[in-house]
Amino acid sequence: MHYTNRKFWLFYDQLPKDIQQIADVSYELLKTNPSHPSLHFKKVNKY
C-alpha cells in the first residue's frame, strides 16, 4: 500500500503541470505493476 501526506501534496502542487502528469502516470503504473522496470531505483555514487 502507498500513501501520501499533506507535505507531499504541497510540493506536488508546486510542480509544473507536465511534471504532475508524469507523476500521475507513474503512480498509476505503480498501482497496477509495482515490479515494472521503469519504477526501479538505481544506486548513485556520491562522488
N, C-alpha and C. Protein backbone atom coordinates (compact mmCIF):
# COMPACT_ATOMS: atom_id res chain seq x y z
N MET A 1 0.84 -1.17 0.00
CA MET A 1 0.00 0.00 0.00
C MET A 1 0.89 1.24 0.00
N HIS A 2 0.46 2.26 -0.69
CA HIS A 2 1.20 3.50 -0.79
C HIS A 2 0.33 4.64 -0.26
N TYR A 3 0.96 5.59 0.35
CA TYR A 3 0.20 6.70 0.90
C TYR A 3 1.00 7.99 0.79
N THR A 4 0.32 9.10 0.94
CA THR A 4 0.98 10.41 0.92
C THR A 4 0.56 11.18 2.17
N ASN A 5 1.22 12.28 2.38
CA ASN A 5 0.84 13.14 3.49
C ASN A 5 0.64 14.57 2.97
N ARG A 6 0.27 15.46 3.84
CA ARG A 6 -0.02 16.84 3.44
C ARG A 6 1.20 17.50 2.79
N LYS A 7 2.38 17.24 3.33
CA LYS A 7 3.59 17.86 2.79
C LYS A 7 3.83 17.43 1.34
N PHE A 8 3.57 16.17 1.06
CA PHE A 8 3.71 15.69 -0.31
C PHE A 8 2.86 16.52 -1.26
N TRP A 9 1.60 16.74 -0.89
CA TRP A 9 0.68 17.46 -1.78
C TRP A 9 1.07 18.93 -1.92
N LEU A 10 1.66 19.49 -0.90
CA LEU A 10 2.14 20.88 -1.02
C LEU A 10 3.24 20.98 -2.07
N PHE A 11 4.16 20.04 -2.05
CA PHE A 11 5.23 20.02 -3.06
C PHE A 11 4.69 19.64 -4.44
N TYR A 12 3.79 18.67 -4.48
CA TYR A 12 3.19 18.24 -5.74
C TYR A 12 2.50 19.41 -6.44
N ASP A 13 1.74 20.18 -5.68
CA ASP A 13 1.02 21.32 -6.25
C ASP A 13 1.94 22.39 -6.82
N GLN A 14 3.18 22.43 -6.39
CA GLN A 14 4.14 23.40 -6.88
C GLN A 14 4.84 22.95 -8.17
N LEU A 15 4.68 21.69 -8.52
CA LEU A 15 5.30 21.17 -9.73
C LEU A 15 4.60 21.72 -10.97
N PRO A 16 5.34 21.87 -12.07
CA PRO A 16 4.68 22.24 -13.32
C PRO A 16 3.67 21.16 -13.72
N LYS A 17 2.63 21.55 -14.43
CA LYS A 17 1.55 20.62 -14.81
C LYS A 17 2.07 19.42 -15.59
N ASP A 18 3.06 19.61 -16.47
CA ASP A 18 3.56 18.48 -17.24
C ASP A 18 4.27 17.47 -16.34
N ILE A 19 4.94 17.93 -15.30
CA ILE A 19 5.61 17.02 -14.36
C ILE A 19 4.57 16.31 -13.49
N GLN A 20 3.51 17.02 -13.13
CA GLN A 20 2.42 16.39 -12.38
C GLN A 20 1.81 15.25 -13.19
N GLN A 21 1.65 15.46 -14.49
CA GLN A 21 1.09 14.41 -15.35
C GLN A 21 2.01 13.19 -15.40
N ILE A 22 3.31 13.41 -15.47
CA ILE A 22 4.26 12.30 -15.47
C ILE A 22 4.17 11.55 -14.13
N ALA A 23 4.08 12.29 -13.04
CA ALA A 23 3.96 11.66 -11.72
C ALA A 23 2.67 10.87 -11.62
N ASP A 24 1.59 11.39 -12.16
CA ASP A 24 0.31 10.68 -12.13
C ASP A 24 0.37 9.37 -12.90
N VAL A 25 0.99 9.40 -14.07
CA VAL A 25 1.13 8.19 -14.88
C VAL A 25 2.00 7.16 -14.15
N SER A 26 3.08 7.63 -13.54
CA SER A 26 3.96 6.74 -12.80
C SER A 26 3.26 6.13 -11.60
N TYR A 27 2.43 6.90 -10.93
CA TYR A 27 1.70 6.37 -9.78
C TYR A 27 0.69 5.31 -10.22
N GLU A 28 0.01 5.54 -11.32
CA GLU A 28 -0.93 4.54 -11.83
C GLU A 28 -0.18 3.26 -12.18
N LEU A 29 0.99 3.40 -12.78
CA LEU A 29 1.81 2.23 -13.10
C LEU A 29 2.23 1.51 -11.82
N LEU A 30 2.60 2.25 -10.81
CA LEU A 30 2.98 1.66 -9.52
C LEU A 30 1.82 0.84 -8.95
N LYS A 31 0.61 1.35 -9.06
CA LYS A 31 -0.56 0.64 -8.52
C LYS A 31 -0.85 -0.63 -9.31
N THR A 32 -0.67 -0.58 -10.64
CA THR A 32 -1.02 -1.74 -11.46
C THR A 32 0.11 -2.74 -11.63
N ASN A 33 1.36 -2.24 -11.59
CA ASN A 33 2.50 -3.13 -11.81
C ASN A 33 3.71 -2.62 -11.02
N PRO A 34 3.74 -2.87 -9.71
CA PRO A 34 4.84 -2.33 -8.89
C PRO A 34 6.22 -2.87 -9.25
N SER A 35 6.28 -3.93 -10.03
CA SER A 35 7.57 -4.50 -10.42
C SER A 35 8.07 -3.98 -11.77
N HIS A 36 7.36 -3.03 -12.34
CA HIS A 36 7.75 -2.52 -13.65
C HIS A 36 9.17 -1.93 -13.59
N PRO A 37 10.02 -2.26 -14.57
CA PRO A 37 11.42 -1.80 -14.56
C PRO A 37 11.58 -0.28 -14.49
N SER A 38 10.67 0.47 -15.05
CA SER A 38 10.83 1.92 -15.03
C SER A 38 10.64 2.52 -13.64
N LEU A 39 10.15 1.72 -12.70
CA LEU A 39 9.95 2.20 -11.33
C LEU A 39 11.10 1.85 -10.40
N HIS A 40 12.09 1.13 -10.91
CA HIS A 40 13.22 0.72 -10.07
C HIS A 40 14.20 1.87 -9.89
N PHE A 41 14.77 1.93 -8.73
CA PHE A 41 15.77 2.95 -8.44
C PHE A 41 17.17 2.36 -8.61
N LYS A 42 18.09 3.20 -9.04
CA LYS A 42 19.48 2.79 -9.16
C LYS A 42 20.28 3.50 -8.06
N LYS A 43 21.27 2.80 -7.53
CA LYS A 43 22.15 3.42 -6.56
C LYS A 43 23.07 4.39 -7.31
N VAL A 44 23.22 5.58 -6.75
CA VAL A 44 24.04 6.61 -7.36
C VAL A 44 25.24 6.86 -6.46
N ASN A 45 26.42 6.93 -7.06
CA ASN A 45 27.62 7.24 -6.28
C ASN A 45 27.57 8.68 -5.80
N LYS A 46 28.02 8.90 -4.57
CA LYS A 46 28.00 10.25 -4.01
C LYS A 46 29.05 11.14 -4.67
N TYR A 47 30.16 10.56 -5.10
CA TYR A 47 31.26 11.38 -5.62
C TYR A 47 31.71 10.89 -6.97
